[in-house]
């Protein structure tokens, strides 16, 4: 649990989510979600979500962890946070350090929505998959020519 406590439940759930990701604690991360929660990261169709409908339910969310979160070490910097009602929008930069040494930086907006218990029912991350794929291509190309 992060040291900072927020009065907005969605903002607190977002902070706890990022702390669990940083700690590589899949069980703690999954526990933050309602049973029927949906993750859209990124929002829309992408290789991470070919249907564009998101990852619904803890089993699907666990598979998302295995594919998108587990392989790297994620550092996050929340630049701005806008809580309102049962939601919170965070403007952030995430840097994912992969096992092969590559670092991929992503500027994004993440919106968390929670239920009455404070469980995350929706996580929507707005970022450009194509931009990150291009960045990855440049990094891989630079490693091959070195």
Protein backbone atom coordinates (compact mmCIF):
# COMPACT_ATOMS: atom_id res chain seq x y z
CA UNK A 1 0.00 0.00 0.00
CA UNK A 2 1.43 3.40 -0.92
CA UNK A 3 2.26 5.80 1.89
CA UNK A 4 0.01 8.51 0.45
CA UNK A 5 -3.71 8.16 1.18
CA UNK A 6 -6.28 9.86 -1.01
CA UNK A 7 -9.80 10.82 -0.01
CA UNK A 8 -11.15 9.86 -3.44
CA UNK A 9 -11.62 6.07 -3.64
CA UNK A 10 -10.78 5.89 -7.35
CA UNK A 11 -7.62 7.90 -6.84
CA UNK A 12 -6.63 5.60 -3.95
CA UNK A 13 -7.37 2.48 -6.02
CA UNK A 14 -5.21 3.87 -8.84
CA UNK A 15 -2.33 4.52 -6.45
CA UNK A 16 -2.64 1.00 -5.00
CA UNK A 17 -2.75 -0.48 -8.51
CA UNK A 18 0.49 1.23 -9.47
CA UNK A 19 2.14 0.20 -6.19
CA UNK A 20 1.22 -3.47 -6.80
CA UNK A 21 2.55 -3.25 -10.37
CA UNK A 22 5.83 -1.73 -9.18
CA UNK A 23 6.12 -4.47 -6.53
CA UNK A 24 5.38 -7.15 -9.19
CA UNK A 25 2.56 -8.41 -6.91
CA UNK A 26 -0.03 -9.93 -9.25
CA UNK A 27 -2.25 -11.25 -6.43
CA UNK A 28 -2.48 -7.86 -4.71
CA UNK A 29 -3.15 -6.18 -8.06
CA UNK A 30 -5.94 -8.59 -9.00
CA UNK A 31 -7.52 -8.14 -5.56
CA UNK A 32 -8.07 -4.45 -6.35
CA UNK A 33 -10.54 -5.35 -9.15
CA UNK A 34 -14.22 -6.24 -8.96
CA UNK A 35 -15.02 -9.71 -10.31
CA UNK A 36 -16.56 -8.29 -13.52
CA UNK A 37 -14.07 -5.44 -14.02
CA UNK A 38 -12.87 -4.40 -17.47
CA UNK A 39 -9.40 -3.23 -18.48
CA UNK A 40 -8.93 -1.39 -21.77
CA UNK A 41 -5.19 -0.76 -22.10
CA UNK A 42 -4.98 0.82 -24.57
CA UNK A 43 -8.58 1.78 -25.31
CA UNK A 44 -9.63 0.42 -28.71
CA UNK A 45 -8.34 -2.26 -31.03
CA UNK A 46 -4.66 -3.19 -30.66
CA UNK A 47 -2.51 -6.33 -30.65
CA UNK A 48 -3.06 -6.37 -26.87
CA UNK A 49 -6.85 -6.37 -27.42
CA UNK A 50 -7.80 -7.45 -30.97
CA UNK A 51 -11.55 -7.07 -30.28
CA UNK A 52 -11.22 -3.61 -28.75
CA UNK A 53 -13.71 -4.65 -26.05
CA UNK A 54 -11.19 -4.92 -23.23
CA UNK A 55 -10.24 -7.68 -20.82
CA UNK A 56 -13.32 -8.56 -18.71
CA UNK A 57 -13.21 -10.48 -15.43
CA UNK A 58 -10.32 -11.46 -13.20
CA UNK A 59 -9.22 -14.41 -15.34
CA UNK A 60 -8.82 -12.20 -18.42
CA UNK A 61 -7.26 -9.45 -16.34
CA UNK A 62 -4.76 -12.00 -14.96
CA UNK A 63 -3.82 -12.99 -18.51
CA UNK A 64 -3.36 -9.28 -19.34
CA UNK A 65 -0.93 -9.06 -16.40
CA UNK A 66 1.03 -12.05 -17.71
CA UNK A 67 1.37 -10.57 -21.22
CA UNK A 68 1.60 -6.82 -20.65
CA UNK A 69 2.90 -6.25 -17.12
CA UNK A 70 4.91 -9.26 -15.92
CA UNK A 71 7.72 -9.19 -18.53
CA UNK A 72 9.07 -5.74 -17.61
CA UNK A 73 9.68 -3.44 -14.67
CA UNK A 74 7.28 -0.50 -14.75
CA UNK A 75 8.14 2.91 -13.33
CA UNK A 76 5.36 5.48 -13.21
CA UNK A 77 5.15 9.22 -12.77
CA UNK A 78 1.72 10.76 -12.27
CA UNK A 79 1.99 14.35 -13.46
CA UNK A 80 -1.60 15.36 -12.76
CA UNK A 81 -4.59 13.67 -11.13
CA UNK A 82 -8.23 14.67 -11.49
CA UNK A 83 -10.60 12.87 -9.09
CA UNK A 84 -14.36 13.28 -9.32
CA UNK A 85 -17.15 11.09 -8.00
CA UNK A 86 -16.23 7.42 -8.42
CA UNK A 87 -13.61 8.13 -11.08
CA UNK A 88 -10.15 9.53 -11.39
CA UNK A 89 -8.15 10.53 -14.47
CA UNK A 90 -4.36 10.49 -14.15
CA UNK A 91 -2.02 12.11 -16.65
CA UNK A 92 1.16 10.08 -16.47
CA UNK A 93 4.36 8.79 -17.99
CA UNK A 94 5.10 5.08 -17.70
CA UNK A 95 8.56 3.70 -18.43
CA UNK A 96 8.72 -0.05 -18.94
CA UNK A 97 12.17 -1.62 -18.61
CA UNK A 98 12.25 -4.93 -20.45
CA UNK A 99 14.55 -7.85 -19.50
CA UNK A 100 16.71 -7.22 -22.59
CA UNK A 101 17.48 -3.69 -21.38
CA UNK A 102 15.07 -1.81 -23.64
CA UNK A 103 13.14 1.07 -22.08
CA UNK A 104 9.83 2.09 -23.57
CA UNK A 105 8.32 5.40 -22.42
CA UNK A 106 4.60 6.05 -22.78
CA UNK A 107 2.69 9.26 -22.09
CA UNK A 108 -0.91 8.42 -21.28
CA UNK A 109 -4.12 9.19 -19.46
CA UNK A 110 -5.47 6.44 -17.19
CA UNK A 111 -9.07 6.59 -15.96
CA UNK A 112 -10.08 4.46 -12.97
CA UNK A 113 -13.72 3.90 -11.94
CA UNK A 114 -14.57 2.14 -8.69
CA UNK A 115 -17.70 0.64 -7.13
CA UNK A 116 -19.13 1.40 -3.68
CA UNK A 117 -16.55 -0.96 -2.08
CA UNK A 118 -13.66 0.86 -3.75
CA UNK A 119 -12.96 -2.04 -6.16
CA UNK A 120 -11.88 -1.07 -9.66
CA UNK A 121 -14.70 -1.77 -12.15
CA UNK A 122 -13.06 -0.03 -15.10
CA UNK A 123 -9.51 0.90 -16.01
CA UNK A 124 -9.11 2.73 -19.32
CA UNK A 125 -5.65 3.71 -20.52
CA UNK A 126 -5.46 6.16 -23.41
CA UNK A 127 -2.19 5.90 -25.34
CA UNK A 128 -1.10 5.30 -28.93
CA UNK A 129 -0.08 1.70 -29.59
CA UNK A 130 1.37 2.63 -33.02
CA UNK A 131 3.61 5.27 -31.44
CA UNK A 132 5.00 2.75 -28.95
CA UNK A 133 5.48 0.12 -31.69
CA UNK A 134 7.47 2.69 -33.71
CA UNK A 135 9.58 3.55 -30.65
CA UNK A 136 10.24 -0.14 -30.08
CA UNK A 137 11.20 -0.57 -33.75
CA UNK A 138 13.71 2.29 -33.49
CA UNK A 139 15.19 0.84 -30.30
CA UNK A 140 15.50 -2.64 -31.81
CA UNK A 141 16.99 -1.21 -35.01
CA UNK A 142 19.55 0.74 -33.00
CA UNK A 143 20.52 -2.39 -31.07
CA UNK A 144 20.97 -4.39 -34.30
CA UNK A 145 23.23 -1.77 -35.90
CA UNK A 146 25.36 -1.34 -32.77
